[in-house]
Protein backbone atom coordinates (compact mmCIF):
# COMPACT_ATOMS: atom_id res chain seq x y z
CA MET A 1 17.56 -117.55 161.21
CA ASP A 2 21.06 -116.81 160.30
CA PRO A 3 22.23 -119.28 157.37
CA LYS A 4 25.49 -120.07 159.24
CA ASP A 5 23.51 -120.88 162.64
CA TYR A 6 21.20 -123.09 160.53
CA ARG A 7 24.14 -124.95 158.99
CA ASN A 8 25.68 -125.39 162.44
CA LEU A 9 22.44 -126.85 163.74
CA MET A 10 22.19 -129.25 160.66
CA ARG A 11 25.47 -130.60 161.38
CA HIS A 12 23.97 -132.65 164.36
CA GLN A 13 21.79 -134.55 161.77
CA ALA A 14 23.64 -137.59 160.75
CA GLY A 15 23.14 -138.32 156.89
CA ALA A 16 24.03 -141.14 154.67
CA VAL A 17 26.72 -140.08 152.21
CA THR A 18 25.72 -140.35 148.64
CA LEU A 19 27.32 -139.84 145.21
CA ILE A 20 24.67 -138.50 142.74
CA ALA A 21 25.81 -138.97 139.04
CA THR A 22 24.46 -138.09 135.63
CA GLY A 23 25.37 -137.75 132.07
CA GLU A 24 26.39 -139.87 129.08
CA ALA A 25 29.81 -141.33 128.64
CA GLY A 26 32.17 -138.45 127.81
CA LYS A 27 29.96 -135.77 129.51
CA ARG A 28 29.44 -137.39 133.10
CA THR A 29 29.37 -135.46 136.16
CA GLY A 30 28.26 -135.80 139.78
CA LEU A 31 28.27 -134.61 143.39
CA VAL A 32 28.44 -135.80 146.83
CA ALA A 33 25.15 -135.10 148.93
CA THR A 34 23.39 -135.99 152.06
CA ALA A 35 20.12 -134.44 150.78
CA VAL A 36 18.52 -137.43 149.53
CA CYS A 37 15.13 -138.93 150.70
CA SER A 38 12.78 -141.83 149.84
CA LEU A 39 9.37 -140.41 148.69
CA THR A 40 7.16 -143.30 147.80
CA ASP A 41 7.23 -147.03 147.27
CA THR A 42 4.45 -147.24 144.77
CA PRO A 43 5.77 -146.36 142.46
CA PRO A 44 9.21 -146.29 143.97
CA MET A 45 10.60 -142.63 143.95
CA LEU A 46 13.06 -140.64 145.73
CA LEU A 47 14.10 -136.98 145.81
CA ILE A 48 17.41 -135.21 145.81
CA CYS A 49 18.13 -131.65 146.51
CA VAL A 50 20.88 -130.11 144.31
CA ASN A 51 22.37 -126.70 144.61
CA GLN A 52 21.83 -124.77 141.30
CA ASN A 53 25.51 -123.82 141.25
CA ALA A 54 26.50 -127.67 141.13
CA SER A 55 27.99 -128.84 137.93
CA ALA A 56 25.47 -131.81 137.94
CA HIS A 57 22.43 -129.47 138.30
CA ASP A 58 21.61 -128.54 134.71
CA VAL A 59 22.98 -132.02 133.47
CA ILE A 60 20.41 -133.73 135.50
CA ALA A 61 17.73 -131.61 133.97
CA GLU A 62 19.08 -132.06 130.26
CA CYS A 63 19.49 -135.87 130.71
CA GLY A 64 16.39 -136.58 132.56
CA CYS A 65 18.08 -139.17 134.81
CA PHE A 66 20.50 -139.57 137.67
CA SER A 67 21.70 -142.11 140.03
CA VAL A 68 21.99 -142.18 143.70
CA ASN A 69 24.80 -144.25 145.21
CA LEU A 70 24.96 -144.90 148.90
CA LEU A 71 28.68 -144.95 149.86
CA GLY A 72 30.46 -147.20 152.31
CA PRO A 73 33.75 -146.59 154.19
CA THR A 74 35.79 -148.12 151.56
CA GLN A 75 34.59 -145.47 149.14
CA ARG A 76 35.70 -142.41 151.20
CA ASP A 77 38.26 -141.52 148.35
CA LEU A 78 35.45 -140.81 146.09
CA VAL A 79 34.15 -138.07 148.42
CA ALA A 80 37.36 -136.20 147.88
CA VAL A 81 37.12 -136.74 144.11
CA PHE A 82 33.61 -135.47 143.88
CA THR A 83 34.02 -132.59 146.09
CA GLY A 84 36.78 -131.04 144.20
CA GLN A 85 39.46 -131.77 146.70
CA THR A 86 41.59 -133.71 144.09
CA GLY A 87 41.39 -131.06 141.32
CA LEU A 88 39.45 -133.23 138.87
CA ALA A 89 36.22 -132.15 137.38
CA GLY A 90 33.48 -133.65 135.20
CA GLU A 91 34.34 -136.54 133.22
CA ASP A 92 37.93 -136.82 134.66
CA ARG A 93 36.41 -138.04 138.01
CA PHE A 94 35.06 -141.27 136.53
CA ASP A 95 37.15 -144.38 136.47
CA ASP A 96 35.40 -146.85 134.11
CA HIS A 97 36.26 -149.71 136.10
CA LEU A 98 33.95 -148.35 138.92
CA TRP A 99 31.00 -147.29 136.84
CA ARG A 100 28.29 -149.17 134.77
CA THR A 101 24.86 -148.20 133.41
CA LEU A 102 21.56 -149.87 134.17
CA GLU A 103 18.14 -148.62 132.45
CA THR A 104 18.35 -144.89 132.22
CA GLY A 105 22.01 -144.55 131.04
CA ALA A 106 22.94 -142.59 134.14
CA PRO A 107 26.26 -143.73 135.50
CA VAL A 108 25.81 -146.13 138.41
CA LEU A 109 28.62 -146.88 140.79
CA LYS A 110 29.61 -150.60 141.08
CA GLU A 111 30.18 -152.32 144.35
CA THR A 112 28.41 -149.80 146.66
CA LEU A 113 25.98 -150.22 149.48
CA ALA A 114 23.02 -149.59 147.32
CA SER A 115 22.45 -147.84 143.99
CA PHE A 116 19.24 -146.35 142.58
CA ASP A 117 18.89 -145.62 138.85
CA CYS A 118 16.21 -142.90 138.44
CA LYS A 119 14.51 -141.01 135.80
CA VAL A 120 13.30 -137.48 136.68
CA VAL A 121 9.61 -137.19 136.81
CA ASP A 122 9.24 -133.84 138.54
CA THR A 123 11.23 -130.77 139.74
CA LYS A 124 10.68 -127.94 142.09
CA ARG A 125 13.07 -124.93 142.39
CA VAL A 126 13.33 -123.66 146.05
CA SER A 127 15.71 -120.68 146.63
CA THR A 128 19.27 -121.99 145.80
CA HIS A 129 18.24 -125.61 145.10
CA THR A 130 16.27 -127.70 142.90
CA ILE A 131 14.47 -130.64 144.20
CA TYR A 132 14.63 -133.30 141.58
CA ILE A 133 12.04 -136.28 142.06
CA GLY A 134 13.14 -139.44 140.41
CA GLU A 135 11.30 -142.66 139.77
CA VAL A 136 13.55 -145.61 140.55
CA CYS A 137 13.89 -147.77 137.45
CA ALA A 138 16.44 -150.12 138.72
CA GLY A 139 18.96 -150.68 141.56
CA ASP A 140 20.98 -153.09 143.44
CA SER A 141 22.74 -153.50 146.70
CA LEU A 142 25.51 -155.33 148.61
CA GLU A 143 24.20 -156.92 151.74
CA GLU A 144 27.48 -156.98 153.61
CA ALA A 145 28.31 -153.35 153.20
CA SER A 146 28.43 -150.70 155.94
CA PRO A 147 27.20 -147.07 155.35
CA LEU A 148 29.50 -144.05 155.29
CA VAL A 149 27.84 -141.39 157.48
CA TYR A 150 28.33 -137.61 157.75
CA PHE A 151 28.01 -136.24 161.23
CA ARG A 152 29.27 -132.92 162.71
CA GLY A 153 31.49 -132.31 159.94
CA ASP A 154 33.19 -135.63 159.68
CA PHE A 155 32.73 -139.02 158.03
CA LEU A 156 32.11 -142.13 160.17
């Protein structure tokens, strides 16, 4: 199948918008992704798929940890920041008032629908991406928050 046709088909799958973050203070980086999935609950694990060209790709491997932060509609501005639309990159995208750390040292977004603090336990390279499997070490959530969803090229 032609990759363009495949991408057009995938636009019909609604996906939760997440912000994946990694790195120590001063060297943090992150990306917006919908390719996140629960893997097991015993132990709690999830997987993320990261393009090998993404700035966070190698940093996740080096640090051995990452966070997955489920965004809500009030955090749509972070999508622009972490997709490069604002011209900011790397550490410049992190406002310390919005971030903290839990157990692994990965940056974790405050006040979001849910956050998962993960240590990398396995990886698998597949074509242009790497699947990182993370064991969830800590996390939290806001019960009243609504999800930000990506569907047919738009955020809902």
